[in-house]
Amino acid sequence: MNTEDKLKDVNAKISQNSDDLASVQVNRDRLFQEQRNLEAMIEAEKNPKLRHGDYGYNIHGNSRVRLNGKTYYEEGEVAGFMEDKLTKIEGNIFDDLKSMQEDVTEFTFTSESDPLLVEVTDIDGIRLSVKGAVIYVYRDEISSFVLKLRQMEATLKRRQK
């Protein structure tokens, strides 16, 4: 039984009547406390526990990063009860850095459209190929290219709200 089902069960018990007024009040008080506890647990399940290195955005779109048990934003440490409130966790900086250590020379991205082949070239860059069309992105342009893709992704996510 998950937490929401438990809450429904407690709500049903609260609605039930009993003849003994004193025991009804004791039971109702206990059930109301259990109801508050379950509601708090449901809310806590919605906000995942942040790990060291997690980064993302709060409800206002401000970026946050979790380091050494504290949450920071661009200007400095976030204080008070808002510390752990990330609306969207985008990733973990340490997971990202670890994945950057793995060699990848090509991959194919396939969605509902035609497959996109991305591969390292002999001319110091990457080649993007789809349906015979080829685009080269040179080494000094790759970071800018990836940043623009991430900005586009963030734009789409903001539009979904």
N, C-alpha and C. Protein backbone atom coordinates (compact mmCIF):
# COMPACT_ATOMS: atom_id res chain seq x y z
N MET A 1 0.85 -1.17 0.00
CA MET A 1 0.00 0.00 0.00
C MET A 1 0.89 1.23 0.00
N ASN A 2 0.71 2.12 -0.98
CA ASN A 2 1.55 3.31 -1.03
C ASN A 2 1.01 4.39 -0.09
N THR A 3 1.73 5.48 0.03
CA THR A 3 1.40 6.53 0.99
C THR A 3 0.05 7.16 0.68
N GLU A 4 -0.26 7.37 -0.58
CA GLU A 4 -1.54 7.98 -0.94
C GLU A 4 -2.71 7.06 -0.59
N ASP A 5 -2.54 5.74 -0.77
CA ASP A 5 -3.58 4.79 -0.38
C ASP A 5 -3.77 4.79 1.14
N LYS A 6 -2.68 4.89 1.89
CA LYS A 6 -2.77 4.97 3.34
C LYS A 6 -3.56 6.21 3.76
N LEU A 7 -3.30 7.33 3.08
CA LEU A 7 -4.01 8.56 3.38
C LEU A 7 -5.50 8.40 3.12
N LYS A 8 -5.87 7.76 2.01
CA LYS A 8 -7.28 7.52 1.71
C LYS A 8 -7.92 6.66 2.80
N ASP A 9 -7.19 5.65 3.29
CA ASP A 9 -7.70 4.78 4.35
C ASP A 9 -7.93 5.57 5.63
N VAL A 10 -6.99 6.45 5.98
CA VAL A 10 -7.14 7.28 7.18
C VAL A 10 -8.33 8.22 7.02
N ASN A 11 -8.49 8.83 5.85
CA ASN A 11 -9.62 9.72 5.62
C ASN A 11 -10.95 8.98 5.76
N ALA A 12 -11.00 7.73 5.30
CA ALA A 12 -12.23 6.94 5.44
C ALA A 12 -12.52 6.65 6.91
N LYS A 13 -11.49 6.35 7.68
CA LYS A 13 -11.68 6.08 9.11
C LYS A 13 -12.16 7.33 9.85
N ILE A 14 -11.66 8.50 9.44
CA ILE A 14 -12.09 9.75 10.06
C ILE A 14 -13.59 9.97 9.84
N SER A 15 -14.07 9.57 8.69
CA SER A 15 -15.48 9.76 8.35
C SER A 15 -16.42 8.82 9.10
N GLN A 16 -15.91 7.71 9.61
CA GLN A 16 -16.75 6.74 10.32
C GLN A 16 -17.20 7.29 11.67
N ASN A 17 -18.40 6.87 12.11
CA ASN A 17 -18.95 7.31 13.40
C ASN A 17 -18.86 6.19 14.41
N SER A 18 -18.84 6.54 15.70
CA SER A 18 -18.84 5.59 16.79
C SER A 18 -19.79 6.11 17.87
N ASP A 19 -20.29 5.21 18.72
CA ASP A 19 -21.25 5.61 19.75
C ASP A 19 -20.57 6.28 20.95
N ASP A 20 -19.36 5.88 21.29
CA ASP A 20 -18.66 6.40 22.45
C ASP A 20 -17.95 7.70 22.09
N LEU A 21 -18.48 8.83 22.57
CA LEU A 21 -17.97 10.15 22.19
C LEU A 21 -16.50 10.34 22.58
N ALA A 22 -16.09 9.86 23.76
CA ALA A 22 -14.70 10.03 24.21
C ALA A 22 -13.74 9.25 23.32
N SER A 23 -14.10 7.99 23.00
CA SER A 23 -13.21 7.20 22.14
C SER A 23 -13.21 7.74 20.72
N VAL A 24 -14.34 8.32 20.30
CA VAL A 24 -14.40 8.93 18.97
C VAL A 24 -13.41 10.08 18.90
N GLN A 25 -13.37 10.93 19.92
CA GLN A 25 -12.47 12.08 19.92
C GLN A 25 -11.01 11.64 19.95
N VAL A 26 -10.69 10.64 20.77
CA VAL A 26 -9.31 10.12 20.85
C VAL A 26 -8.91 9.54 19.49
N ASN A 27 -9.80 8.75 18.90
CA ASN A 27 -9.50 8.15 17.60
C ASN A 27 -9.36 9.21 16.52
N ARG A 28 -10.25 10.19 16.54
CA ARG A 28 -10.19 11.25 15.52
C ARG A 28 -8.89 12.04 15.65
N ASP A 29 -8.48 12.37 16.90
CA ASP A 29 -7.23 13.10 17.10
C ASP A 29 -6.04 12.30 16.55
N ARG A 30 -6.04 10.99 16.87
CA ARG A 30 -4.97 10.12 16.38
C ARG A 30 -4.98 10.06 14.86
N LEU A 31 -6.17 9.93 14.29
CA LEU A 31 -6.29 9.83 12.83
C LEU A 31 -5.91 11.14 12.15
N PHE A 32 -6.30 12.28 12.75
CA PHE A 32 -5.92 13.57 12.17
C PHE A 32 -4.40 13.75 12.18
N GLN A 33 -3.75 13.30 13.28
CA GLN A 33 -2.28 13.38 13.33
C GLN A 33 -1.66 12.48 12.26
N GLU A 34 -2.21 11.26 12.12
CA GLU A 34 -1.71 10.35 11.09
C GLU A 34 -1.94 10.94 9.70
N GLN A 35 -3.08 11.61 9.52
CA GLN A 35 -3.38 12.26 8.24
C GLN A 35 -2.33 13.33 7.92
N ARG A 36 -2.02 14.17 8.90
CA ARG A 36 -1.01 15.22 8.70
C ARG A 36 0.36 14.61 8.38
N ASN A 37 0.71 13.53 9.08
CA ASN A 37 1.99 12.86 8.84
C ASN A 37 2.05 12.29 7.42
N LEU A 38 0.97 11.65 6.98
CA LEU A 38 0.94 11.06 5.64
C LEU A 38 0.98 12.14 4.56
N GLU A 39 0.28 13.25 4.78
CA GLU A 39 0.32 14.35 3.82
C GLU A 39 1.74 14.91 3.71
N ALA A 40 2.43 15.01 4.84
CA ALA A 40 3.83 15.48 4.84
C ALA A 40 4.72 14.49 4.10
N MET A 41 4.47 13.18 4.29
CA MET A 41 5.27 12.17 3.58
C MET A 41 5.05 12.24 2.07
N ILE A 42 3.79 12.46 1.65
CA ILE A 42 3.48 12.57 0.22
C ILE A 42 4.20 13.78 -0.36
N GLU A 43 4.20 14.89 0.36
CA GLU A 43 4.88 16.10 -0.11
C GLU A 43 6.39 15.86 -0.19
N ALA A 44 6.94 15.15 0.80
CA ALA A 44 8.38 14.86 0.80
C ALA A 44 8.76 13.95 -0.36
N GLU A 45 7.87 13.02 -0.73
CA GLU A 45 8.14 12.12 -1.86
C GLU A 45 8.19 12.89 -3.17
N LYS A 46 7.46 14.00 -3.25
CA LYS A 46 7.45 14.82 -4.47
C LYS A 46 8.77 15.57 -4.65
N ASN A 47 9.46 15.86 -3.54
CA ASN A 47 10.73 16.58 -3.59
C ASN A 47 11.86 15.60 -3.28
N PRO A 48 12.53 15.10 -4.31
CA PRO A 48 13.58 14.11 -4.07
C PRO A 48 14.73 14.69 -3.24
N LYS A 49 15.35 13.82 -2.46
CA LYS A 49 16.49 14.23 -1.65
C LYS A 49 17.66 14.57 -2.57
N LEU A 50 18.23 15.73 -2.36
CA LEU A 50 19.33 16.17 -3.21
C LEU A 50 20.62 15.49 -2.81
N ARG A 51 21.38 15.08 -3.83
CA ARG A 51 22.70 14.49 -3.60
C ARG A 51 23.76 15.57 -3.79
N HIS A 52 24.93 15.32 -3.26
CA HIS A 52 26.07 16.21 -3.45
C HIS A 52 26.35 16.35 -4.95
N GLY A 53 26.31 17.57 -5.46
CA GLY A 53 26.60 17.82 -6.87
C GLY A 53 25.36 17.96 -7.74
N ASP A 54 24.16 17.72 -7.20
CA ASP A 54 22.94 17.90 -8.00
C ASP A 54 22.77 19.36 -8.36
N TYR A 55 22.27 19.62 -9.56
CA TYR A 55 21.99 20.99 -9.97
C TYR A 55 20.65 21.03 -10.70
N GLY A 56 20.04 22.22 -10.64
CA GLY A 56 18.74 22.39 -11.28
C GLY A 56 18.20 23.78 -11.02
N TYR A 57 16.86 23.89 -11.00
CA TYR A 57 16.21 25.19 -10.90
C TYR A 57 15.12 25.15 -9.84
N ASN A 58 14.90 26.31 -9.19
CA ASN A 58 13.79 26.41 -8.25
C ASN A 58 12.54 26.88 -9.00
N ILE A 59 11.46 27.15 -8.25
CA ILE A 59 10.19 27.51 -8.89
C ILE A 59 10.26 28.84 -9.64
N HIS A 60 11.25 29.67 -9.32
CA HIS A 60 11.40 30.97 -9.98
C HIS A 60 12.36 30.91 -11.17
N GLY A 61 12.89 29.72 -11.46
CA GLY A 61 13.82 29.58 -12.58
C GLY A 61 15.26 29.91 -12.24
N ASN A 62 15.55 30.12 -10.95
CA ASN A 62 16.92 30.41 -10.53
C ASN A 62 17.70 29.11 -10.37
N SER A 63 18.92 29.10 -10.87
CA SER A 63 19.72 27.87 -10.81
C SER A 63 20.25 27.64 -9.40
N ARG A 64 20.38 26.36 -9.06
CA ARG A 64 20.88 25.93 -7.76
C ARG A 64 21.84 24.76 -7.95
N VAL A 65 22.78 24.61 -7.02
CA VAL A 65 23.66 23.45 -7.00
C VAL A 65 23.85 23.03 -5.54
N ARG A 66 23.87 21.73 -5.29
CA ARG A 66 24.01 21.19 -3.94
C ARG A 66 25.45 20.73 -3.75
N LEU A 67 26.15 21.32 -2.77
CA LEU A 67 27.54 20.96 -2.48
C LEU A 67 27.75 20.89 -0.98
N ASN A 68 28.40 19.83 -0.52
CA ASN A 68 28.75 19.65 0.89
C ASN A 68 27.57 19.91 1.83
N GLY A 69 26.39 19.40 1.47
CA GLY A 69 25.23 19.52 2.34
C GLY A 69 24.54 20.87 2.31
N LYS A 70 24.99 21.79 1.47
CA LYS A 70 24.37 23.10 1.36
C LYS A 70 24.00 23.36 -0.10
N THR A 71 22.95 24.15 -0.29
CA THR A 71 22.51 24.48 -1.63
C THR A 71 22.95 25.91 -1.95
N TYR A 72 23.50 26.10 -3.14
CA TYR A 72 24.02 27.40 -3.55
C TYR A 72 23.33 27.86 -4.82
N TYR A 73 23.27 29.17 -5.01
CA TYR A 73 22.86 29.75 -6.28
C TYR A 73 24.00 30.62 -6.77
N GLU A 74 23.82 31.28 -7.91
CA GLU A 74 24.96 31.99 -8.51
C GLU A 74 25.62 32.99 -7.58
N GLU A 75 24.85 33.69 -6.76
CA GLU A 75 25.40 34.75 -5.91
C GLU A 75 25.96 34.25 -4.59
N GLY A 76 25.68 33.00 -4.22
CA GLY A 76 26.19 32.48 -2.97
C GLY A 76 25.27 31.46 -2.35
N GLU A 77 25.46 31.22 -1.05
CA GLU A 77 24.71 30.19 -0.35
C GLU A 77 23.24 30.58 -0.17
N VAL A 78 22.37 29.60 -0.34
CA VAL A 78 20.95 29.79 -0.09
C VAL A 78 20.71 29.49 1.38
N ALA A 79 20.09 30.40 2.09
CA ALA A 79 19.87 30.21 3.52
C ALA A 79 18.41 29.85 3.79
N GLY A 80 18.18 29.24 4.95
CA GLY A 80 16.82 29.03 5.43
C GLY A 80 16.11 27.84 4.84
N PHE A 81 14.78 27.85 4.97
CA PHE A 81 13.96 26.70 4.63
C PHE A 81 13.89 26.42 3.13
N MET A 82 14.24 27.35 2.29
CA MET A 82 14.18 27.15 0.85
C MET A 82 15.39 26.38 0.32
N GLU A 83 16.29 26.02 1.20
CA GLU A 83 17.58 25.44 0.82
C GLU A 83 17.46 24.24 -0.12
N ASP A 84 16.56 23.31 0.16
CA ASP A 84 16.48 22.08 -0.62
C ASP A 84 15.42 22.11 -1.71
N LYS A 85 14.82 23.24 -1.97
CA LYS A 85 13.70 23.30 -2.91
C LYS A 85 14.19 23.49 -4.34
N LEU A 86 14.36 22.38 -5.05
CA LEU A 86 14.64 22.42 -6.47
C LEU A 86 13.41 21.89 -7.19
N THR A 87 12.85 22.69 -8.07
CA THR A 87 11.69 22.25 -8.83
C THR A 87 12.09 21.17 -9.81
N LYS A 88 13.23 21.37 -10.45
CA LYS A 88 13.68 20.44 -11.48
C LYS A 88 15.16 20.16 -11.27
N ILE A 89 15.50 18.90 -11.05
CA ILE A 89 16.90 18.51 -10.97
C ILE A 89 17.35 18.17 -12.39
N GLU A 90 18.29 18.93 -12.90
CA GLU A 90 18.78 18.74 -14.27
C GLU A 90 19.84 17.66 -14.36
N GLY A 91 20.59 17.45 -13.31
CA GLY A 91 21.65 16.45 -13.35
C GLY A 91 22.54 16.55 -12.13
N ASN A 92 23.65 15.87 -12.21
CA ASN A 92 24.63 15.90 -11.14
C ASN A 92 25.99 16.19 -11.78
N ILE A 93 26.64 17.23 -11.32
CA ILE A 93 27.88 17.68 -11.94
C ILE A 93 28.95 16.59 -11.90
N PHE A 94 28.97 15.80 -10.84
CA PHE A 94 30.00 14.76 -10.72
C PHE A 94 29.70 13.58 -11.65
N ASP A 95 28.42 13.25 -11.82
CA ASP A 95 28.05 12.24 -12.81
C ASP A 95 28.42 12.71 -14.22
N ASP A 96 28.17 14.01 -14.49
CA ASP A 96 28.51 14.57 -15.80
C ASP A 96 30.02 14.51 -16.05
N LEU A 97 30.80 14.89 -15.04
CA LEU A 97 32.27 14.86 -15.20
C LEU A 97 32.77 13.43 -15.40
N LYS A 98 32.19 12.48 -14.69
CA LYS A 98 32.58 11.08 -14.85
C LYS A 98 32.27 10.60 -16.26
N SER A 99 31.10 10.94 -16.78
CA SER A 99 30.75 10.50 -18.13
C SER A 99 31.64 11.15 -19.18
N MET A 100 32.19 12.33 -18.89
CA MET A 100 33.10 13.00 -19.84
C MET A 100 34.42 12.24 -19.98
N GLN A 101 34.73 11.33 -19.05
CA GLN A 101 35.96 10.56 -19.10
C GLN A 101 35.86 9.36 -20.05
N GLU A 102 34.62 9.01 -20.46
CA GLU A 102 34.41 7.87 -21.33
C GLU A 102 34.53 8.31 -22.80
N ASP A 103 35.29 7.55 -23.59
CA ASP A 103 35.46 7.86 -25.01
C ASP A 103 34.21 7.46 -25.79
N VAL A 104 33.71 8.37 -26.60
CA VAL A 104 32.61 8.11 -27.53
C VAL A 104 33.05 8.67 -28.88
N THR A 105 33.11 7.82 -29.88
CA THR A 105 33.53 8.29 -31.21
C THR A 105 32.36 8.41 -32.17
N GLU A 106 31.24 7.75 -31.86
CA GLU A 106 30.05 7.93 -32.68
C GLU A 106 28.83 7.39 -31.94
N PHE A 107 27.68 7.93 -32.32
CA PHE A 107 26.41 7.41 -31.83
C PHE A 107 25.34 7.79 -32.83
N THR A 108 24.25 7.06 -32.79
CA THR A 108 23.11 7.35 -33.64
C THR A 108 21.94 7.72 -32.75
N PHE A 109 21.36 8.86 -33.04
CA PHE A 109 20.19 9.31 -32.30
C PHE A 109 18.96 9.03 -33.16
N THR A 110 18.06 8.22 -32.62
CA THR A 110 16.85 7.88 -33.36
C THR A 110 15.65 8.23 -32.51
N SER A 111 14.79 9.05 -33.06
CA SER A 111 13.52 9.33 -32.40
C SER A 111 12.43 8.96 -33.41
N GLU A 112 11.36 9.72 -33.44
CA GLU A 112 10.28 9.42 -34.39
C GLU A 112 10.65 9.84 -35.82
N SER A 113 11.72 10.61 -35.96
CA SER A 113 12.14 11.05 -37.28
C SER A 113 13.29 10.18 -37.80
N ASP A 114 13.95 10.64 -38.83
CA ASP A 114 15.06 9.89 -39.40
C ASP A 114 16.24 9.85 -38.43
N PRO A 115 17.02 8.76 -38.45
CA PRO A 115 18.17 8.66 -37.54
C PRO A 115 19.23 9.72 -37.85
N LEU A 116 19.82 10.24 -36.80
CA LEU A 116 20.89 11.22 -36.90
C LEU A 116 22.17 10.53 -36.45
N LEU A 117 23.16 10.46 -37.35
CA LEU A 117 24.45 9.86 -37.02
C LEU A 117 25.41 10.98 -36.63
N VAL A 118 26.02 10.84 -35.46
CA VAL A 118 27.00 11.81 -34.98
C VAL A 118 28.30 11.05 -34.78
N GLU A 119 29.38 11.54 -35.42
CA GLU A 119 30.66 10.84 -35.32
C GLU A 119 31.83 11.80 -35.32
N VAL A 120 32.93 11.37 -34.69
CA VAL A 120 34.17 12.13 -34.69
C VAL A 120 34.79 12.01 -36.08
N THR A 121 35.33 13.12 -36.57
CA THR A 121 35.93 13.11 -37.90
C THR A 121 37.45 13.14 -37.82
N ASP A 122 38.07 12.91 -38.97
CA ASP A 122 39.52 13.00 -39.07
C ASP A 122 39.99 14.44 -39.18
N ILE A 123 39.05 15.36 -39.36
CA ILE A 123 39.42 16.77 -39.56
C ILE A 123 39.20 17.61 -38.31
N ASP A 124 39.33 16.96 -37.13
CA ASP A 124 39.28 17.68 -35.86
C ASP A 124 37.92 18.29 -35.57
N GLY A 125 36.89 17.46 -35.58
CA GLY A 125 35.55 17.92 -35.26
C GLY A 125 34.58 16.76 -35.23
N ILE A 126 33.31 17.07 -35.35
CA ILE A 126 32.29 16.04 -35.44
C ILE A 126 31.45 16.25 -36.69
N ARG A 127 30.87 15.16 -37.17
CA ARG A 127 30.04 15.21 -38.36
C ARG A 127 28.63 14.77 -37.95
N LEU A 128 27.63 15.55 -38.35
CA LEU A 128 26.22 15.23 -38.13
C LEU A 128 25.63 14.86 -39.48
N SER A 129 25.06 13.67 -39.57
CA SER A 129 24.51 13.21 -40.85
C SER A 129 23.07 12.75 -40.68
N VAL A 130 22.21 13.25 -41.56
CA VAL A 130 20.83 12.79 -41.59
C VAL A 130 20.33 12.85 -43.04
N LYS A 131 19.81 11.75 -43.51
CA LYS A 131 19.27 11.65 -44.88
C LYS A 131 20.26 12.14 -45.93
N GLY A 132 21.52 11.83 -45.77
CA GLY A 132 22.52 12.24 -46.75
C GLY A 132 23.07 13.65 -46.55
N ALA A 133 22.39 14.47 -45.78
CA ALA A 133 22.89 15.82 -45.49
C ALA A 133 23.94 15.72 -44.38
N VAL A 134 25.03 16.45 -44.55
CA VAL A 134 26.13 16.39 -43.59
C VAL A 134 26.46 17.79 -43.11
N ILE A 135 26.66 17.92 -41.81
CA ILE A 135 27.08 19.18 -41.21
C ILE A 135 28.32 18.89 -40.37
N TYR A 136 29.34 19.71 -40.53
CA TYR A 136 30.55 19.57 -39.75
C TYR A 136 30.56 20.64 -38.66
N VAL A 137 30.93 20.24 -37.45
CA VAL A 137 31.12 21.16 -36.34
C VAL A 137 32.56 20.94 -35.87
N TYR A 138 33.37 21.98 -35.99
CA TYR A 138 34.79 21.85 -35.66
C TYR A 138 35.00 21.94 -34.15
N ARG A 139 36.15 21.44 -33.70
CA ARG A 139 36.44 21.31 -32.27
C ARG A 139 36.19 22.61 -31.51
N ASP A 140 36.64 23.74 -32.01
CA ASP A 140 36.47 25.00 -31.28
C ASP A 140 35.03 25.50 -31.29
N GLU A 141 34.14 24.87 -32.06
CA GLU A 141 32.72 25.26 -32.11
C GLU A 141 31.82 24.32 -31.31
N ILE A 142 32.34 23.17 -30.91
CA ILE A 142 31.50 22.14 -30.27
C ILE A 142 30.88 22.65 -28.97
N SER A 143 31.65 23.30 -28.11
CA SER A 143 31.11 23.77 -26.84
C SER A 143 29.97 24.76 -27.05
N SER A 144 30.14 25.68 -27.98
CA SER A 144 29.08 26.64 -28.28
C SER A 144 27.85 25.94 -28.84
N PHE A 145 28.06 24.96 -29.70
CA PHE A 145 26.97 24.19 -30.29
C PHE A 145 26.17 23.45 -29.21
N VAL A 146 26.88 22.77 -28.32
CA VAL A 146 26.23 22.03 -27.24
C VAL A 146 25.50 22.98 -26.29
N LEU A 147 26.11 24.12 -25.97
CA LEU A 147 25.46 25.11 -25.11
C LEU A 147 24.16 25.60 -25.73
N LYS A 148 24.17 25.88 -27.03
CA LYS A 148 22.93 26.33 -27.70
C LYS A 148 21.86 25.24 -27.66
N LEU A 149 22.24 23.97 -27.81
CA LEU A 149 21.27 22.88 -27.70
C LEU A 149 20.68 22.82 -26.29
N ARG A 150 21.52 22.99 -25.28
CA ARG A 150 21.03 22.96 -23.90
C ARG A 150 20.12 24.14 -23.61
N GLN A 151 20.45 25.32 -24.19
CA GLN A 151 19.58 26.48 -24.01
C GLN A 151 18.22 26.24 -24.68
N MET A 152 18.23 25.59 -25.83
CA MET A 152 16.97 25.27 -26.51
C MET A 152 16.16 24.29 -25.66
N GLU A 153 16.83 23.31 -25.08
CA GLU A 153 16.15 22.34 -24.21
C GLU A 153 15.52 23.06 -23.01
N ALA A 154 16.25 23.98 -22.39
CA ALA A 154 15.73 24.73 -21.24
C ALA A 154 14.54 25.60 -21.65
N THR A 155 14.61 26.18 -22.84
CA THR A 155 13.50 26.99 -23.34
C THR A 155 12.25 26.13 -23.49
N LEU A 156 12.38 24.94 -24.05
CA LEU A 156 11.23 24.05 -24.21
C LEU A 156 10.66 23.64 -22.85
N LYS A 157 11.52 23.38 -21.88
CA LYS A 157 11.06 22.99 -20.55
C LYS A 157 10.30 24.15 -19.89
N ARG A 158 10.78 25.38 -20.04
CA ARG A 158 10.08 26.53 -19.46
C ARG A 158 8.73 26.72 -20.11
N ARG A 159 8.63 26.46 -21.40
CA ARG A 159 7.36 26.62 -22.11
C ARG A 159 6.33 25.57 -21.69
N GLN A 160 6.78 24.44 -21.17
CA GLN A 160 5.88 23.37 -20.73
C GLN A 160 5.16 23.73 -19.44
N LYS A 161 5.68 24.66 -18.67
CA LYS A 161 5.08 25.00 -17.35
C LYS A 161 3.72 25.60 -17.51
